[in-house]
Amino acid sequence: DLTLKIFQDNLLNERITYPMLNFLDTILSSGSLLAILDDENSQFPDEVFRLVNLEIKGHKKLYKIVSSINVMCQLIQVRYR
């Protein structure tokens, strides 16, 4: 997926990842990815979770932590595998 590639390629680049976190929060909350999130074979939610964890590890910037929490909360809708 292009979104994950952009996130991976720009990890820790705040000019890219902060807007990416906001984008992920918006797109996940819109419900437009429900088919992907409900697909047991999809790695998308796992990769988003992994990348968000890598992005916030050791960071203390409140805006980034809040954006990450928003994305994590959206991932709660993913069924346990």
PDB file of N, CA and C in Angstrom:
ATOM      1  N   ASP A   1       0.832  -1.181   0.000  1.00  0.00           N
ATOM      2  CA  ASP A   1       0.000   0.000   0.000  1.00  0.00           C
ATOM      3  C   ASP A   1       0.877   1.244   0.000  1.00  0.00           C
ATOM      4  N   LEU A   2       0.512   2.199  -0.787  1.00  0.00           N
ATOM      5  CA  LEU A   2       1.303   3.425  -0.951  1.00  0.00           C
ATOM      6  C   LEU A   2       1.387   4.221   0.347  1.00  0.00           C
ATOM      7  N   THR A   3       0.302   4.272   1.084  1.00  0.00           N
ATOM      8  CA  THR A   3       0.297   5.018   2.347  1.00  0.00           C
ATOM      9  C   THR A   3       1.338   4.470   3.308  1.00  0.00           C
ATOM     10  N   LEU A   4       1.377   3.164   3.440  1.00  0.00           N
ATOM     11  CA  LEU A   4       2.348   2.541   4.343  1.00  0.00           C
ATOM     12  C   LEU A   4       3.778   2.734   3.859  1.00  0.00           C
ATOM     13  N   LYS A   5       3.971   2.691   2.546  1.00  0.00           N
ATOM     14  CA  LYS A   5       5.313   2.914   1.992  1.00  0.00           C
ATOM     15  C   LYS A   5       5.799   4.329   2.291  1.00  0.00           C
ATOM     16  N   ILE A   6       4.917   5.306   2.117  1.00  0.00           N
ATOM     17  CA  ILE A   6       5.283   6.699   2.415  1.00  0.00           C
ATOM     18  C   ILE A   6       5.614   6.855   3.894  1.00  0.00           C
ATOM     19  N   PHE A   7       4.786   6.258   4.743  1.00  0.00           N
ATOM     20  CA  PHE A   7       5.028   6.321   6.186  1.00  0.00           C
ATOM     21  C   PHE A   7       6.367   5.670   6.522  1.00  0.00           C
ATOM     22  N   GLN A   8       6.615   4.473   6.012  1.00  0.00           N
ATOM     23  CA  GLN A   8       7.860   3.740   6.274  1.00  0.00           C
ATOM     24  C   GLN A   8       9.079   4.513   5.767  1.00  0.00           C
ATOM     25  N   ASP A   9       8.998   5.028   4.560  1.00  0.00           N
ATOM     26  CA  ASP A   9      10.137   5.732   3.954  1.00  0.00           C
ATOM     27  C   ASP A   9      10.469   7.043   4.659  1.00  0.00           C
ATOM     28  N   ASN A  10       9.495   7.616   5.360  1.00  0.00           N
ATOM     29  CA  ASN A  10       9.693   8.918   6.000  1.00  0.00           C
ATOM     30  C   ASN A  10       9.588   8.851   7.518  1.00  0.00           C
ATOM     31  N   LEU A  11       9.786   7.665   8.059  1.00  0.00           N
ATOM     32  CA  LEU A  11       9.706   7.482   9.500  1.00  0.00           C
ATOM     33  C   LEU A  11      10.623   8.478  10.207  1.00  0.00           C
ATOM     34  N   LEU A  12      10.096   9.112  11.232  1.00  0.00           N
ATOM     35  CA  LEU A  12      10.784  10.108  12.063  1.00  0.00           C
ATOM     36  C   LEU A  12      11.022  11.442  11.348  1.00  0.00           C
ATOM     37  N   ASN A  13      10.487  11.622  10.172  1.00  0.00           N
ATOM     38  CA  ASN A  13      10.524  12.911   9.480  1.00  0.00           C
ATOM     39  C   ASN A  13       9.217  13.624   9.809  1.00  0.00           C
ATOM     40  N   GLU A  14       9.249  14.506  10.798  1.00  0.00           N
ATOM     41  CA  GLU A  14       8.029  15.104  11.319  1.00  0.00           C
ATOM     42  C   GLU A  14       7.236  15.900  10.290  1.00  0.00           C
ATOM     43  N   ARG A  15       7.905  16.412   9.282  1.00  0.00           N
ATOM     44  CA  ARG A  15       7.171  17.145   8.242  1.00  0.00           C
ATOM     45  C   ARG A  15       6.240  16.222   7.475  1.00  0.00           C
ATOM     46  N   ILE A  16       6.540  14.933   7.465  1.00  0.00           N
ATOM     47  CA  ILE A  16       5.708  13.952   6.770  1.00  0.00           C
ATOM     48  C   ILE A  16       4.851  13.163   7.758  1.00  0.00           C
ATOM     49  N   THR A  17       5.448  12.698   8.840  1.00  0.00           N
ATOM     50  CA  THR A  17       4.732  11.766   9.712  1.00  0.00           C
ATOM     51  C   THR A  17       3.641  12.410  10.544  1.00  0.00           C
ATOM     52  N   TYR A  18       3.803  13.649  10.957  1.00  0.00           N
ATOM     53  CA  TYR A  18       2.733  14.291  11.719  1.00  0.00           C
ATOM     54  C   TYR A  18       1.470  14.434  10.860  1.00  0.00           C
ATOM     55  N   PRO A  19       1.577  14.961   9.634  1.00  0.00           N
ATOM     56  CA  PRO A  19       0.380  14.966   8.774  1.00  0.00           C
ATOM     57  C   PRO A  19      -0.106  13.551   8.441  1.00  0.00           C
ATOM     58  N   MET A  20       0.805  12.589   8.337  1.00  0.00           N
ATOM     59  CA  MET A  20       0.413  11.210   8.060  1.00  0.00           C
ATOM     60  C   MET A  20      -0.434  10.656   9.198  1.00  0.00           C
ATOM     61  N   LEU A  21      -0.052  10.943  10.430  1.00  0.00           N
ATOM     62  CA  LEU A  21      -0.841  10.487  11.570  1.00  0.00           C
ATOM     63  C   LEU A  21      -2.241  11.092  11.543  1.00  0.00           C
ATOM     64  N   ASN A  22      -2.323  12.368  11.220  1.00  0.00           N
ATOM     65  CA  ASN A  22      -3.627  13.020  11.118  1.00  0.00           C
ATOM     66  C   ASN A  22      -4.447  12.431   9.977  1.00  0.00           C
ATOM     67  N   PHE A  23      -3.794  12.149   8.862  1.00  0.00           N
ATOM     68  CA  PHE A  23      -4.476  11.521   7.721  1.00  0.00           C
ATOM     69  C   PHE A  23      -5.005  10.143   8.104  1.00  0.00           C
ATOM     70  N   LEU A  24      -4.175   9.346   8.756  1.00  0.00           N
ATOM     71  CA  LEU A  24      -4.591   8.002   9.165  1.00  0.00           C
ATOM     72  C   LEU A  24      -5.772   8.062  10.127  1.00  0.00           C
ATOM     73  N   ASP A  25      -5.737   8.994  11.054  1.00  0.00           N
ATOM     74  CA  ASP A  25      -6.862   9.156  11.976  1.00  0.00           C
ATOM     75  C   ASP A  25      -8.141   9.474  11.201  1.00  0.00           C
ATOM     76  N   THR A  26      -8.052  10.385  10.258  1.00  0.00           N
ATOM     77  CA  THR A  26      -9.216  10.779   9.474  1.00  0.00           C
ATOM     78  C   THR A  26      -9.736   9.646   8.613  1.00  0.00           C
ATOM     79  N   ILE A  27      -8.849   8.970   7.908  1.00  0.00           N
ATOM     80  CA  ILE A  27      -9.283   7.909   6.987  1.00  0.00           C
ATOM     81  C   ILE A  27      -9.815   6.696   7.752  1.00  0.00           C
ATOM     82  N   LEU A  28      -9.210   6.385   8.887  1.00  0.00           N
ATOM     83  CA  LEU A  28      -9.696   5.265   9.681  1.00  0.00           C
ATOM     84  C   LEU A  28     -11.053   5.577  10.317  1.00  0.00           C
ATOM     85  N   SER A  29     -11.248   6.814  10.727  1.00  0.00           N
ATOM     86  CA  SER A  29     -12.517   7.187  11.357  1.00  0.00           C
ATOM     87  C   SER A  29     -13.644   7.354  10.347  1.00  0.00           C
ATOM     88  N   SER A  30     -13.307   7.524   9.085  1.00  0.00           N
ATOM     89  CA  SER A  30     -14.336   7.732   8.058  1.00  0.00           C
ATOM     90  C   SER A  30     -15.114   6.464   7.740  1.00  0.00           C
ATOM     91  N   GLY A  31     -14.542   5.316   8.042  1.00  0.00           N
ATOM     92  CA  GLY A  31     -15.205   4.050   7.741  1.00  0.00           C
ATOM     93  C   GLY A  31     -14.939   3.548   6.334  1.00  0.00           C
ATOM     94  N   SER A  32     -14.187   4.294   5.561  1.00  0.00           N
ATOM     95  CA  SER A  32     -13.934   3.884   4.173  1.00  0.00           C
ATOM     96  C   SER A  32     -12.968   2.708   4.063  1.00  0.00           C
ATOM     97  N   LEU A  33     -12.289   2.376   5.132  1.00  0.00           N
ATOM     98  CA  LEU A  33     -11.348   1.255   5.106  1.00  0.00           C
ATOM     99  C   LEU A  33     -11.869   0.034   5.850  1.00  0.00           C
ATOM    100  N   LEU A  34     -13.163   0.005   6.142  1.00  0.00           N
ATOM    101  CA  LEU A  34     -13.713  -1.111   6.908  1.00  0.00           C
ATOM    102  C   LEU A  34     -13.456  -2.458   6.248  1.00  0.00           C
ATOM    103  N   ALA A  35     -13.551  -2.522   4.933  1.00  0.00           N
ATOM    104  CA  ALA A  35     -13.309  -3.796   4.243  1.00  0.00           C
ATOM    105  C   ALA A  35     -11.869  -4.261   4.459  1.00  0.00           C
ATOM    106  N   ILE A  36     -10.939  -3.346   4.443  1.00  0.00           N
ATOM    107  CA  ILE A  36      -9.531  -3.686   4.660  1.00  0.00           C
ATOM    108  C   ILE A  36      -9.299  -4.071   6.121  1.00  0.00           C
ATOM    109  N   LEU A  37      -9.916  -3.329   7.029  1.00  0.00           N
ATOM    110  CA  LEU A  37      -9.732  -3.607   8.451  1.00  0.00           C
ATOM    111  C   LEU A  37     -10.384  -4.916   8.870  1.00  0.00           C
ATOM    112  N   ASP A  38     -11.471  -5.295   8.199  1.00  0.00           N
ATOM    113  CA  ASP A  38     -12.162  -6.539   8.522  1.00  0.00           C
ATOM    114  C   ASP A  38     -11.550  -7.763   7.841  1.00  0.00           C
ATOM    115  N   ASP A  39     -10.713  -7.550   6.847  1.00  0.00           N
ATOM    116  CA  ASP A  39     -10.075  -8.652   6.127  1.00  0.00           C
ATOM    117  C   ASP A  39      -8.987  -9.282   7.004  1.00  0.00           C
ATOM    118  N   GLU A  40      -9.186 -10.521   7.359  1.00  0.00           N
ATOM    119  CA  GLU A  40      -8.231 -11.198   8.241  1.00  0.00           C
ATOM    120  C   GLU A  40      -6.853 -11.373   7.611  1.00  0.00           C
ATOM    121  N   ASN A  41      -6.774 -11.317   6.298  1.00  0.00           N
ATOM    122  CA  ASN A  41      -5.493 -11.477   5.607  1.00  0.00           C
ATOM    123  C   ASN A  41      -4.764 -10.156   5.398  1.00  0.00           C
ATOM    124  N   SER A  42      -5.418  -9.066   5.688  1.00  0.00           N
ATOM    125  CA  SER A  42      -4.813  -7.746   5.480  1.00  0.00           C
ATOM    126  C   SER A  42      -3.787  -7.454   6.567  1.00  0.00           C
ATOM    127  N   GLN A  43      -2.624  -7.000   6.156  1.00  0.00           N
ATOM    128  CA  GLN A  43      -1.571  -6.610   7.088  1.00  0.00           C
ATOM    129  C   GLN A  43      -1.611  -5.113   7.391  1.00  0.00           C
ATOM    130  N   PHE A  44      -2.540  -4.401   6.763  1.00  0.00           N
ATOM    131  CA  PHE A  44      -2.605  -2.941   6.909  1.00  0.00           C
ATOM    132  C   PHE A  44      -2.698  -2.500   8.372  1.00  0.00           C
ATOM    133  N   PRO A  45      -3.658  -3.004   9.151  1.00  0.00           N
ATOM    134  CA  PRO A  45      -3.733  -2.527  10.537  1.00  0.00           C
ATOM    135  C   PRO A  45      -2.491  -2.880  11.360  1.00  0.00           C
ATOM    136  N   ASP A  46      -1.923  -4.040  11.126  1.00  0.00           N
ATOM    137  CA  ASP A  46      -0.708  -4.433  11.850  1.00  0.00           C
ATOM    138  C   ASP A  46       0.466  -3.520  11.505  1.00  0.00           C
ATOM    139  N   GLU A  47       0.581  -3.189  10.229  1.00  0.00           N
ATOM    140  CA  GLU A  47       1.667  -2.309   9.789  1.00  0.00           C
ATOM    141  C   GLU A  47       1.480  -0.889  10.311  1.00  0.00           C
ATOM    142  N   VAL A  48       0.252  -0.406  10.303  1.00  0.00           N
ATOM    143  CA  VAL A  48      -0.006   0.931  10.854  1.00  0.00           C
ATOM    144  C   VAL A  48       0.391   0.946  12.324  1.00  0.00           C
ATOM    145  N   PHE A  49      -0.035  -0.061  13.065  1.00  0.00           N
ATOM    146  CA  PHE A  49       0.301  -0.159  14.487  1.00  0.00           C
ATOM    147  C   PHE A  49       1.817  -0.177  14.688  1.00  0.00           C
ATOM    148  N   ARG A  50       2.506  -0.985  13.903  1.00  0.00           N
ATOM    149  CA  ARG A  50       3.970  -1.102  14.018  1.00  0.00           C
ATOM    150  C   ARG A  50       4.653   0.230  13.727  1.00  0.00           C
ATOM    151  N   LEU A  51       4.236   0.890  12.651  1.00  0.00           N
ATOM    152  CA  LEU A  51       4.864   2.149  12.264  1.00  0.00           C
ATOM    153  C   LEU A  51       4.580   3.267  13.265  1.00  0.00           C
ATOM    154  N   VAL A  52       3.371   3.313  13.784  1.00  0.00           N
ATOM    155  CA  VAL A  52       3.048   4.327  14.795  1.00  0.00           C
ATOM    156  C   VAL A  52       3.897   4.100  16.046  1.00  0.00           C
ATOM    157  N   ASN A  53       4.047   2.861  16.453  1.00  0.00           N
ATOM    158  CA  ASN A  53       4.905   2.570  17.614  1.00  0.00           C
ATOM    159  C   ASN A  53       6.344   3.009  17.381  1.00  0.00           C
ATOM    160  N   LEU A  54       6.866   2.734  16.202  1.00  0.00           N
ATOM    161  CA  LEU A  54       8.229   3.170  15.883  1.00  0.00           C
ATOM    162  C   LEU A  54       8.343   4.689  15.865  1.00  0.00           C
ATOM    163  N   GLU A  55       7.309   5.341  15.367  1.00  0.00           N
ATOM    164  CA  GLU A  55       7.322   6.795  15.250  1.00  0.00           C
ATOM    165  C   GLU A  55       7.334   7.485  16.614  1.00  0.00           C
ATOM    166  N   ILE A  56       6.616   6.955  17.580  1.00  0.00           N
ATOM    167  CA  ILE A  56       6.506   7.654  18.867  1.00  0.00           C
ATOM    168  C   ILE A  56       7.486   7.155  19.918  1.00  0.00           C
ATOM    169  N   LYS A  57       8.186   6.097  19.618  1.00  0.00           N
ATOM    170  CA  LYS A  57       9.122   5.539  20.600  1.00  0.00           C
ATOM    171  C   LYS A  57      10.153   6.592  21.016  1.00  0.00           C
ATOM    172  N   GLY A  58      10.155   6.924  22.287  1.00  0.00           N
ATOM    173  CA  GLY A  58      11.123   7.871  22.823  1.00  0.00           C
ATOM    174  C   GLY A  58      10.792   9.335  22.601  1.00  0.00           C
ATOM    175  N   HIS A  59       9.700   9.634  21.906  1.00  0.00           N
ATOM    176  CA  HIS A  59       9.339  11.038  21.666  1.00  0.00           C
ATOM    177  C   HIS A  59       8.508  11.568  22.809  1.00  0.00           C
ATOM    178  N   LYS A  60       8.691  12.854  23.073  1.00  0.00           N
ATOM    179  CA  LYS A  60       7.956  13.492  24.164  1.00  0.00           C
ATOM    180  C   LYS A  60       7.118  14.661  23.665  1.00  0.00           C
ATOM    181  N   LYS A  61       7.011  14.811  22.359  1.00  0.00           N
ATOM    182  CA  LYS A  61       6.242  15.915  21.821  1.00  0.00           C
ATOM    183  C   LYS A  61       4.760  15.584  21.924  1.00  0.00           C
ATOM    184  N   LEU A  62       4.046  16.415  22.649  1.00  0.00           N
ATOM    185  CA  LEU A  62       2.652  16.153  22.957  1.00  0.00           C
ATOM    186  C   LEU A  62       1.788  16.019  21.707  1.00  0.00           C
ATOM    187  N   TYR A  63       1.984  16.883  20.717  1.00  0.00           N
ATOM    188  CA  TYR A  63       1.150  16.828  19.515  1.00  0.00           C
ATOM    189  C   TYR A  63       1.309  15.496  18.785  1.00  0.00           C
ATOM    190  N   LYS A  64       2.508  14.958  18.774  1.00  0.00           N
ATOM    191  CA  LYS A  64       2.738  13.681  18.102  1.00  0.00           C
ATOM    192  C   LYS A  64       2.131  12.527  18.897  1.00  0.00           C
ATOM    193  N   ILE A  65       2.243  12.604  20.201  1.00  0.00           N
ATOM    194  CA  ILE A  65       1.672  11.557  21.045  1.00  0.00           C
ATOM    195  C   ILE A  65       0.153  11.548  20.929  1.00  0.00           C
ATOM    196  N   VAL A  66      -0.470  12.731  20.943  1.00  0.00           N
ATOM    197  CA  VAL A  66      -1.924  12.810  20.816  1.00  0.00           C
ATOM    198  C   VAL A  66      -2.373  12.274  19.466  1.00  0.00           C
ATOM    199  N   SER A  67      -1.693  12.643  18.395  1.00  0.00           N
ATOM    200  CA  SER A  67      -2.041  12.137  17.065  1.00  0.00           C
ATOM    201  C   SER A  67      -1.883  10.625  17.000  1.00  0.00           C
ATOM    202  N   SER A  68      -0.857  10.106  17.635  1.00  0.00           N
ATOM    203  CA  SER A  68      -0.636   8.655  17.658  1.00  0.00           C
ATOM    204  C   SER A  68      -1.725   7.944  18.442  1.00  0.00           C
ATOM    205  N   ILE A  69      -2.124   8.532  19.554  1.00  0.00           N
ATOM    206  CA  ILE A  69      -3.196   7.947  20.355  1.00  0.00           C
ATOM    207  C   ILE A  69      -4.486   7.904  19.548  1.00  0.00           C
ATOM    208  N   ASN A  70      -4.755   8.953  18.787  1.00  0.00           N
ATOM    209  CA  ASN A  70      -5.954   8.980  17.955  1.00  0.00           C
ATOM    210  C   ASN A  70      -5.950   7.835  16.947  1.00  0.00           C
ATOM    211  N   VAL A  71      -4.802   7.586  16.331  1.00  0.00           N
ATOM    212  CA  VAL A  71      -4.704   6.489  15.359  1.00  0.00           C
ATOM    213  C   VAL A  71      -4.874   5.147  16.073  1.00  0.00           C
ATOM    214  N   MET A  72      -4.233   4.979  17.216  1.00  0.00           N
ATOM    215  CA  MET A  72      -4.355   3.735  17.968  1.00  0.00           C
ATOM    216  C   MET A  72      -5.809   3.471  18.363  1.00  0.00           C
ATOM    217  N   CYS A  73      -6.509   4.527  18.771  1.00  0.00           N
ATOM    218  CA  CYS A  73      -7.917   4.365  19.140  1.00  0.00           C
ATOM    219  C   CYS A  73      -8.748   3.938  17.935  1.00  0.00           C
ATOM    220  N   GLN A  74      -8.414   4.418  16.760  1.00  0.00           N
ATOM    221  CA  GLN A  74      -9.124   3.994  15.556  1.00  0.00           C
ATOM    222  C   GLN A  74      -8.861   2.526  15.256  1.00  0.00           C
ATOM    223  N   LEU A  75      -7.681   2.049  15.613  1.00  0.00           N
ATOM    224  CA  LEU A  75      -7.343   0.644  15.361  1.00  0.00           C
ATOM    225  C   LEU A  75      -8.081  -0.311  16.291  1.00  0.00           C
ATOM    226  N   ILE A  76      -8.711   0.211  17.320  1.00  0.00           N
ATOM    227  CA  ILE A  76      -9.487  -0.636  18.229  1.00  0.00           C
ATOM    228  C   ILE A  76     -10.610  -1.343  17.485  1.00  0.00           C
ATOM    229  N   GLN A  77     -11.096  -0.739  16.408  1.00  0.00           N
ATOM    230  CA  GLN A  77     -12.201  -1.329  15.649  1.00  0.00           C
ATOM    231  C   GLN A  77     -11.788  -2.597  14.886  1.00  0.00           C
ATOM    232  N   VAL A  78     -10.504  -2.871  14.796  1.00  0.00           N
ATOM    233  CA  VAL A  78     -10.018  -4.050  14.073  1.00  0.00           C
ATOM    234  C   VAL A  78     -10.291  -5.299  14.914  1.00  0.00           C
ATOM    235  N   ARG A  79     -10.842  -6.286  14.283  1.00  0.00           N
ATOM    236  CA  ARG A  79     -11.134  -7.539  14.993  1.00  0.00           C
ATOM    237  C   ARG A  79      -9.840  -8.226  15.396  1.00  0.00           C
ATOM    238  N   TYR A  80      -9.867  -8.820  16.574  1.00  0.00           N
ATOM    239  CA  TYR A  80      -8.716  -9.580  17.056  1.00  0.00           C
ATOM    240  C   TYR A  80      -8.521 -10.801  16.170  1.00  0.00           C
ATOM    241  N   ARG A  81      -7.303 -11.067  15.798  1.00  0.00           N
ATOM    242  CA  ARG A  81      -7.008 -12.190  14.898  1.00  0.00           C
ATOM    243  C   ARG A  81      -6.466 -13.356  15.662  1.00  0.00           C
TER     244      ARG A  81
END
